Amino acid sequence: MNKAIKTVLLITGILLLLFGIYSLVIPETQISIGNLKLIKVHDNSSSYLTIGIGFLAVVLSLIKGKS
């Protein structure tokens, strides 16, 4: 693979991994007005997908080409 493509895949993969982990870890949305408490629970499936795609991009960027 071309060195530029590997660099782009590595940077994209790292950014996707960081964003996926961040979106997985951020707390759920909470709104409290007086005695009324509204809590929205986040669905983590998109975070897992983002982490998986980021991991795949990092692995693809580290694969060596033909010698």
C-alpha atoms as a PDB file:
ATOM      1  CA  MET A   1       0.000   0.000   0.000  1.00  0.00           C
ATOM      2  CA  ASN A   2       1.052   3.571  -0.541  1.00  0.00           C
ATOM      3  CA  LYS A   3       2.659   5.318   2.434  1.00  0.00           C
ATOM      4  CA  ALA A   4       0.194   8.231   2.231  1.00  0.00           C
ATOM      5  CA  ILE A   5      -2.792   5.849   2.337  1.00  0.00           C
ATOM      6  CA  LYS A   6      -1.321   4.066   5.360  1.00  0.00           C
ATOM      7  CA  THR A   7      -0.815   7.381   7.155  1.00  0.00           C
ATOM      8  CA  VAL A   8      -4.388   8.485   6.430  1.00  0.00           C
ATOM      9  CA  LEU A   9      -5.746   5.114   7.613  1.00  0.00           C
ATOM     10  CA  LEU A  10      -3.680   5.296  10.809  1.00  0.00           C
ATOM     11  CA  ILE A  11      -4.782   8.826  11.679  1.00  0.00           C
ATOM     12  CA  THR A  12      -8.415   8.086  10.801  1.00  0.00           C
ATOM     13  CA  GLY A  13      -8.328   4.871  12.814  1.00  0.00           C
ATOM     14  CA  ILE A  14      -6.905   6.566  15.886  1.00  0.00           C
ATOM     15  CA  LEU A  15      -9.476   9.370  15.671  1.00  0.00           C
ATOM     16  CA  LEU A  16     -12.334   6.880  15.288  1.00  0.00           C
ATOM     17  CA  LEU A  17     -11.074   4.859  18.256  1.00  0.00           C
ATOM     18  CA  LEU A  18     -10.842   7.953  20.432  1.00  0.00           C
ATOM     19  CA  PHE A  19     -14.273   9.203  19.392  1.00  0.00           C
ATOM     20  CA  GLY A  20     -15.844   5.772  19.932  1.00  0.00           C
ATOM     21  CA  ILE A  21     -14.347   5.427  23.402  1.00  0.00           C
ATOM     22  CA  TYR A  22     -15.365   8.987  24.289  1.00  0.00           C
ATOM     23  CA  SER A  23     -18.953   8.452  23.160  1.00  0.00           C
ATOM     24  CA  LEU A  24     -19.048   5.188  25.106  1.00  0.00           C
ATOM     25  CA  VAL A  25     -17.785   6.751  28.330  1.00  0.00           C
ATOM     26  CA  ILE A  26     -19.664  10.085  28.451  1.00  0.00           C
ATOM     27  CA  PRO A  27     -22.421  10.030  31.017  1.00  0.00           C
ATOM     28  CA  GLU A  28     -26.038   9.712  30.105  1.00  0.00           C
ATOM     29  CA  THR A  29     -28.110  12.848  29.627  1.00  0.00           C
ATOM     30  CA  GLN A  30     -29.875  13.949  32.803  1.00  0.00           C
ATOM     31  CA  ILE A  31     -32.346  16.767  33.273  1.00  0.00           C
ATOM     32  CA  SER A  32     -33.882  17.504  36.638  1.00  0.00           C
ATOM     33  CA  ILE A  33     -36.564  20.131  37.180  1.00  0.00           C
ATOM     34  CA  GLY A  34     -37.717  20.188  40.788  1.00  0.00           C
ATOM     35  CA  ASN A  35     -38.909  16.680  41.622  1.00  0.00           C
ATOM     36  CA  LEU A  36     -39.097  15.616  37.959  1.00  0.00           C
ATOM     37  CA  LYS A  37     -35.974  13.789  36.769  1.00  0.00           C
ATOM     38  CA  LEU A  38     -35.583  12.853  33.118  1.00  0.00           C
ATOM     39  CA  ILE A  39     -32.820  10.422  32.210  1.00  0.00           C
ATOM     40  CA  LYS A  40     -32.045   9.384  28.643  1.00  0.00           C
ATOM     41  CA  VAL A  41     -30.039   6.185  28.382  1.00  0.00           C
ATOM     42  CA  HIS A  42     -27.695   6.097  25.393  1.00  0.00           C
ATOM     43  CA  ASP A  43     -27.559   3.154  22.991  1.00  0.00           C
ATOM     44  CA  ASN A  44     -23.917   2.081  22.778  1.00  0.00           C
ATOM     45  CA  SER A  45     -24.186   0.113  19.524  1.00  0.00           C
ATOM     46  CA  SER A  46     -22.935   3.048  17.430  1.00  0.00           C
ATOM     47  CA  SER A  47     -19.974   3.454  19.802  1.00  0.00           C
ATOM     48  CA  TYR A  48     -19.034  -0.210  19.382  1.00  0.00           C
ATOM     49  CA  LEU A  49     -19.303   0.127  15.601  1.00  0.00           C
ATOM     50  CA  THR A  50     -17.096   3.236  15.600  1.00  0.00           C
ATOM     51  CA  ILE A  51     -14.486   1.500  17.760  1.00  0.00           C
ATOM     52  CA  GLY A  52     -14.547  -1.557  15.473  1.00  0.00           C
ATOM     53  CA  ILE A  53     -14.086   0.490  12.305  1.00  0.00           C
ATOM     54  CA  GLY A  54     -11.278   2.461  13.956  1.00  0.00           C
ATOM     55  CA  PHE A  55      -9.546  -0.743  15.034  1.00  0.00           C
ATOM     56  CA  LEU A  56      -9.890  -2.158  11.509  1.00  0.00           C
ATOM     57  CA  ALA A  57      -8.399   1.014  10.003  1.00  0.00           C
ATOM     58  CA  VAL A  58      -5.422   0.877  12.384  1.00  0.00           C
ATOM     59  CA  VAL A  59      -4.815  -2.813  11.592  1.00  0.00           C
ATOM     60  CA  LEU A  60      -5.010  -2.148   7.841  1.00  0.00           C
ATOM     61  CA  SER A  61      -2.542   0.709   8.161  1.00  0.00           C
ATOM     62  CA  LEU A  62      -0.024  -1.526   9.952  1.00  0.00           C
ATOM     63  CA  ILE A  63      -0.095  -4.350   7.364  1.00  0.00           C
ATOM     64  CA  LYS A  64       3.170  -4.528   5.477  1.00  0.00           C
ATOM     65  CA  GLY A  65       3.201  -4.447   1.704  1.00  0.00           C
ATOM     66  CA  LYS A  66       5.217  -6.618  -0.679  1.00  0.00           C
ATOM     67  CA  SER A  67       8.949  -6.670  -0.012  1.00  0.00           C
END
